[in-house]
């Protein structure tokens, strides 16, 4: 049973930084593609960043240059370094692992005040 647990969310002022973590358990994850999505109040969940099993990365245009996704295979953990945060980054952030099926964490709230 794959379990994903996000942490690191919180309240930060505009221009600040946060680092989100996603800890995975239940099996080995080297073959998994991974990513971060977010959902703001009243909006649909949207893609933020992804890192493939080979290490390639992709970002939404809205976060490109400000966010960085990374992983630690030895710890089965994925990170999202978020810099220069804006109020529009406020959302619940979810981590996602994909290998055939999609697995999701419970989400962590990020609130950016202006």
C-alpha atoms as a PDB file:
ATOM      1  CA  UNK A   1       0.000   0.000   0.000  1.00  0.00           C
ATOM      2  CA  UNK A   2       1.580   3.257  -1.161  1.00  0.00           C
ATOM      3  CA  UNK A   3       1.304   6.116   1.308  1.00  0.00           C
ATOM      4  CA  UNK A   4       2.353   9.709   0.657  1.00  0.00           C
ATOM      5  CA  UNK A   5       2.609  12.313   3.392  1.00  0.00           C
ATOM      6  CA  UNK A   6       3.233  15.976   2.629  1.00  0.00           C
ATOM      7  CA  UNK A   7       4.719  18.428   5.101  1.00  0.00           C
ATOM      8  CA  UNK A   8       6.267  21.874   5.182  1.00  0.00           C
ATOM      9  CA  UNK A   9       3.287  24.048   4.382  1.00  0.00           C
ATOM     10  CA  UNK A  10       2.445  27.144   6.351  1.00  0.00           C
ATOM     11  CA  UNK A  11       1.910  30.880   6.304  1.00  0.00           C
ATOM     12  CA  UNK A  12       4.534  33.069   4.670  1.00  0.00           C
ATOM     13  CA  UNK A  13       4.719  36.653   3.475  1.00  0.00           C
ATOM     14  CA  UNK A  14       4.948  37.467  -0.205  1.00  0.00           C
ATOM     15  CA  UNK A  15       8.528  37.149  -1.377  1.00  0.00           C
ATOM     16  CA  UNK A  16       9.290  34.455   1.160  1.00  0.00           C
ATOM     17  CA  UNK A  17      10.228  30.820   0.742  1.00  0.00           C
ATOM     18  CA  UNK A  18       8.964  27.419   1.809  1.00  0.00           C
ATOM     19  CA  UNK A  19      10.125  23.874   1.176  1.00  0.00           C
ATOM     20  CA  UNK A  20       7.528  21.146   0.889  1.00  0.00           C
ATOM     21  CA  UNK A  21       8.371  17.497   1.450  1.00  0.00           C
ATOM     22  CA  UNK A  22       6.566  14.356   0.359  1.00  0.00           C
ATOM     23  CA  UNK A  23       7.549  11.185   2.193  1.00  0.00           C
ATOM     24  CA  UNK A  24       6.586   7.931   0.505  1.00  0.00           C
ATOM     25  CA  UNK A  25       6.279   4.494   2.026  1.00  0.00           C
ATOM     26  CA  UNK A  26       4.933   1.095   1.094  1.00  0.00           C
ATOM     27  CA  UNK A  27       7.358  -0.008  -1.604  1.00  0.00           C
ATOM     28  CA  UNK A  28      10.392   1.143  -3.603  1.00  0.00           C
ATOM     29  CA  UNK A  29       9.798   4.158  -5.814  1.00  0.00           C
ATOM     30  CA  UNK A  30      12.717   4.451  -8.210  1.00  0.00           C
ATOM     31  CA  UNK A  31      10.488   3.657 -11.186  1.00  0.00           C
ATOM     32  CA  UNK A  32       7.846   6.210 -10.266  1.00  0.00           C
ATOM     33  CA  UNK A  33       7.250   9.521 -11.975  1.00  0.00           C
ATOM     34  CA  UNK A  34       6.471  12.167  -9.356  1.00  0.00           C
ATOM     35  CA  UNK A  35       4.936  15.580  -9.193  1.00  0.00           C
ATOM     36  CA  UNK A  36       3.290  18.375  -7.278  1.00  0.00           C
ATOM     37  CA  UNK A  37      -0.153  19.786  -7.925  1.00  0.00           C
ATOM     38  CA  UNK A  38      -2.128  22.474  -6.131  1.00  0.00           C
ATOM     39  CA  UNK A  39      -5.712  23.502  -5.648  1.00  0.00           C
ATOM     40  CA  UNK A  40      -6.757  27.002  -4.700  1.00  0.00           C
ATOM     41  CA  UNK A  41     -10.204  27.755  -3.219  1.00  0.00           C
ATOM     42  CA  UNK A  42     -12.862  27.630  -5.907  1.00  0.00           C
ATOM     43  CA  UNK A  43     -10.448  26.396  -8.551  1.00  0.00           C
ATOM     44  CA  UNK A  44      -9.563  23.069 -10.079  1.00  0.00           C
ATOM     45  CA  UNK A  45      -6.426  21.196  -9.129  1.00  0.00           C
ATOM     46  CA  UNK A  46      -3.547  22.241 -11.354  1.00  0.00           C
ATOM     47  CA  UNK A  47      -0.120  20.951 -12.243  1.00  0.00           C
ATOM     48  CA  UNK A  48       2.852  22.638 -10.576  1.00  0.00           C
ATOM     49  CA  UNK A  49       5.976  20.573 -11.204  1.00  0.00           C
ATOM     50  CA  UNK A  50       7.093  17.061 -12.096  1.00  0.00           C
ATOM     51  CA  UNK A  51      10.220  14.952 -11.978  1.00  0.00           C
ATOM     52  CA  UNK A  52      10.404  11.807 -14.058  1.00  0.00           C
ATOM     53  CA  UNK A  53      11.960   8.488 -13.149  1.00  0.00           C
ATOM     54  CA  UNK A  54      14.987   9.542 -15.215  1.00  0.00           C
ATOM     55  CA  UNK A  55      15.305  12.855 -13.397  1.00  0.00           C
ATOM     56  CA  UNK A  56      13.871  15.175 -16.027  1.00  0.00           C
ATOM     57  CA  UNK A  57      11.843  18.062 -14.655  1.00  0.00           C
ATOM     58  CA  UNK A  58       8.937  20.152 -15.870  1.00  0.00           C
ATOM     59  CA  UNK A  59       7.193  23.199 -14.420  1.00  0.00           C
ATOM     60  CA  UNK A  60       4.029  25.165 -14.897  1.00  0.00           C
ATOM     61  CA  UNK A  61       4.741  28.529 -16.479  1.00  0.00           C
ATOM     62  CA  UNK A  62       3.390  30.274 -13.383  1.00  0.00           C
ATOM     63  CA  UNK A  63       6.142  28.841 -11.163  1.00  0.00           C
ATOM     64  CA  UNK A  64       9.026  28.476 -13.590  1.00  0.00           C
ATOM     65  CA  UNK A  65      12.165  30.124 -12.242  1.00  0.00           C
ATOM     66  CA  UNK A  66      10.750  30.309  -8.698  1.00  0.00           C
ATOM     67  CA  UNK A  67      10.079  26.669  -7.737  1.00  0.00           C
ATOM     68  CA  UNK A  68      12.425  23.689  -7.901  1.00  0.00           C
ATOM     69  CA  UNK A  69      11.447  20.038  -7.627  1.00  0.00           C
ATOM     70  CA  UNK A  70      13.900  17.429  -6.420  1.00  0.00           C
ATOM     71  CA  UNK A  71      13.991  13.953  -4.949  1.00  0.00           C
ATOM     72  CA  UNK A  72      16.045  11.797  -2.641  1.00  0.00           C
ATOM     73  CA  UNK A  73      15.674   8.227  -3.850  1.00  0.00           C
ATOM     74  CA  UNK A  74      17.462   6.832  -0.821  1.00  0.00           C
ATOM     75  CA  UNK A  75      14.809   8.373   1.403  1.00  0.00           C
ATOM     76  CA  UNK A  76      11.887   7.946  -1.040  1.00  0.00           C
ATOM     77  CA  UNK A  77      11.245  11.636  -0.515  1.00  0.00           C
ATOM     78  CA  UNK A  78      10.374  14.401  -2.935  1.00  0.00           C
ATOM     79  CA  UNK A  79      10.749  18.133  -2.334  1.00  0.00           C
ATOM     80  CA  UNK A  80       9.416  21.377  -3.717  1.00  0.00           C
ATOM     81  CA  UNK A  81      11.536  24.418  -2.988  1.00  0.00           C
ATOM     82  CA  UNK A  82       9.345  27.487  -3.408  1.00  0.00           C
ATOM     83  CA  UNK A  83      10.971  30.911  -3.616  1.00  0.00           C
ATOM     84  CA  UNK A  84       9.628  34.389  -4.305  1.00  0.00           C
ATOM     85  CA  UNK A  85       6.190  33.288  -3.238  1.00  0.00           C
ATOM     86  CA  UNK A  86       3.170  35.281  -4.369  1.00  0.00           C
ATOM     87  CA  UNK A  87      -0.349  35.506  -2.918  1.00  0.00           C
ATOM     88  CA  UNK A  88      -1.595  33.620  -5.974  1.00  0.00           C
ATOM     89  CA  UNK A  89       0.507  30.644  -4.892  1.00  0.00           C
ATOM     90  CA  UNK A  90      -1.888  30.167  -1.982  1.00  0.00           C
ATOM     91  CA  UNK A  91      -3.379  26.677  -2.284  1.00  0.00           C
ATOM     92  CA  UNK A  92      -3.368  23.176  -0.922  1.00  0.00           C
ATOM     93  CA  UNK A  93      -0.353  21.406  -2.393  1.00  0.00           C
ATOM     94  CA  UNK A  94      -0.555  17.696  -3.176  1.00  0.00           C
ATOM     95  CA  UNK A  95       2.206  15.295  -4.088  1.00  0.00           C
ATOM     96  CA  UNK A  96       1.587  12.650  -6.702  1.00  0.00           C
ATOM     97  CA  UNK A  97       3.451   9.451  -7.531  1.00  0.00           C
ATOM     98  CA  UNK A  98       2.618   7.583 -10.715  1.00  0.00           C
ATOM     99  CA  UNK A  99       3.455   4.028 -11.748  1.00  0.00           C
ATOM    100  CA  UNK A 100       0.491   2.649 -13.606  1.00  0.00           C
ATOM    101  CA  UNK A 101      -1.849   4.086 -11.017  1.00  0.00           C
ATOM    102  CA  UNK A 102      -1.840   7.540  -9.468  1.00  0.00           C
ATOM    103  CA  UNK A 103      -1.154   7.936  -5.768  1.00  0.00           C
ATOM    104  CA  UNK A 104      -1.878  11.159  -3.872  1.00  0.00           C
ATOM    105  CA  UNK A 105      -1.037  12.595  -0.510  1.00  0.00           C
ATOM    106  CA  UNK A 106      -3.522  14.347   1.747  1.00  0.00           C
ATOM    107  CA  UNK A 107      -2.210  17.815   0.923  1.00  0.00           C
ATOM    108  CA  UNK A 108      -0.502  20.601   2.831  1.00  0.00           C
ATOM    109  CA  UNK A 109      -1.778  24.178   3.012  1.00  0.00           C
ATOM    110  CA  UNK A 110       0.394  27.010   1.748  1.00  0.00           C
ATOM    111  CA  UNK A 111      -0.820  30.532   2.441  1.00  0.00           C
ATOM    112  CA  UNK A 112       1.027  33.560   1.110  1.00  0.00           C
ATOM    113  CA  UNK A 113       0.034  36.909   2.571  1.00  0.00           C
ATOM    114  CA  UNK A 114       0.450  40.160   0.686  1.00  0.00           C
END
